[in-house]
Amino acid sequence: MVTLTVELDKEKDLPVLQALLNRLELKYHIENEDYPLSEAELEGIAKGMEDFKAGRVHTTVQVQARIKQKLADLRNG
């Protein structure tokens, strides 16, 4: 078995390539991801979605206030 990877810059070329592969009766798989994510990134996104659904969210104002307080605590030792 040989694997061939082809990157197409022009999406209009995809149907032509598919027609050729079909004509040659070759199996193929199309991935249309511009930026594939790692397993750790996917897990982080899933965890964030779970937090959001469970209501574990904070506003920007809340986060800024917490950061400001943490920095003040660090300065005051």
Protein backbone atom coordinates (compact mmCIF):
# COMPACT_ATOMS: atom_id res chain seq x y z
CA MET A 1 0.00 0.00 0.00
CA VAL A 2 1.24 3.48 -0.88
CA THR A 3 -0.14 6.71 0.57
CA LEU A 4 -0.16 9.84 -1.54
CA THR A 5 -0.78 13.24 0.06
CA VAL A 6 -1.85 16.08 -2.20
CA GLU A 7 -2.36 19.68 -1.12
CA LEU A 8 -4.62 21.78 -3.32
CA ASP A 9 -4.50 25.55 -3.20
CA LYS A 10 -7.35 25.96 -5.65
CA GLU A 11 -10.56 24.37 -4.40
CA LYS A 12 -11.90 24.33 -7.96
CA ASP A 13 -9.31 21.64 -8.78
CA LEU A 14 -10.79 19.19 -6.26
CA PRO A 15 -13.66 17.91 -8.47
CA VAL A 16 -11.23 17.29 -11.32
CA LEU A 17 -8.92 15.30 -9.06
CA GLN A 18 -11.85 13.37 -7.61
CA ALA A 19 -13.08 12.48 -11.09
CA LEU A 20 -9.62 11.20 -12.01
CA LEU A 21 -9.30 9.11 -8.84
CA ASN A 22 -12.79 7.70 -9.36
CA ARG A 23 -11.99 6.86 -12.99
CA LEU A 24 -8.87 5.01 -11.85
CA GLU A 25 -11.00 3.27 -9.18
CA LEU A 26 -8.65 4.46 -6.44
CA LYS A 27 -9.80 4.83 -2.85
CA TYR A 28 -9.21 8.25 -1.31
CA HIS A 29 -10.00 10.33 1.74
CA ILE A 30 -10.45 14.10 1.76
CA GLU A 31 -9.54 16.18 4.78
CA ASN A 32 -10.52 19.80 4.66
CA GLU A 33 -8.77 21.14 7.73
CA ASP A 34 -6.74 24.28 7.47
CA TYR A 35 -5.28 23.92 10.95
CA PRO A 36 -5.48 20.42 12.43
CA LEU A 37 -5.67 20.39 16.22
CA SER A 38 -3.68 18.16 18.56
CA GLU A 39 -5.37 15.70 20.91
CA ALA A 40 -4.54 17.98 23.87
CA GLU A 41 -6.14 20.97 22.10
CA LEU A 42 -9.28 18.96 21.33
CA GLU A 43 -9.50 17.81 24.95
CA GLY A 44 -9.10 21.40 26.15
CA ILE A 45 -11.91 22.56 23.88
CA ALA A 46 -14.16 19.74 25.09
CA LYS A 47 -13.43 20.62 28.73
CA GLY A 48 -14.17 24.28 28.04
CA MET A 49 -17.48 23.36 26.44
CA GLU A 50 -18.38 21.24 29.48
CA ASP A 51 -17.54 24.17 31.77
CA PHE A 52 -19.68 26.49 29.66
CA LYS A 53 -22.66 24.10 29.67
CA ALA A 54 -22.32 23.72 33.45
CA GLY A 55 -22.30 27.50 33.93
CA ARG A 56 -18.67 27.64 35.06
CA VAL A 57 -17.96 30.89 33.24
CA HIS A 58 -16.67 34.35 34.19
CA THR A 59 -17.10 37.73 32.57
CA THR A 60 -14.12 39.72 31.34
CA VAL A 61 -14.68 42.19 34.18
CA GLN A 62 -14.58 39.37 36.76
CA VAL A 63 -11.37 37.93 35.31
CA GLN A 64 -9.70 41.34 35.19
CA ALA A 65 -10.64 41.98 38.82
CA ARG A 66 -9.22 38.60 39.90
CA ILE A 67 -5.97 39.24 38.03
CA LYS A 68 -5.70 42.72 39.54
CA GLN A 69 -6.23 41.26 43.03
CA LYS A 70 -3.66 38.47 42.47
CA LEU A 71 -1.06 40.98 41.29
CA ALA A 72 -1.73 43.19 44.30
CA ASP A 73 -1.38 40.17 46.61
CA LEU A 74 1.94 39.24 44.99
CA ARG A 75 3.28 42.80 45.36
CA ASN A 76 2.28 42.93 49.03
CA GLY A 77 3.86 39.56 49.68
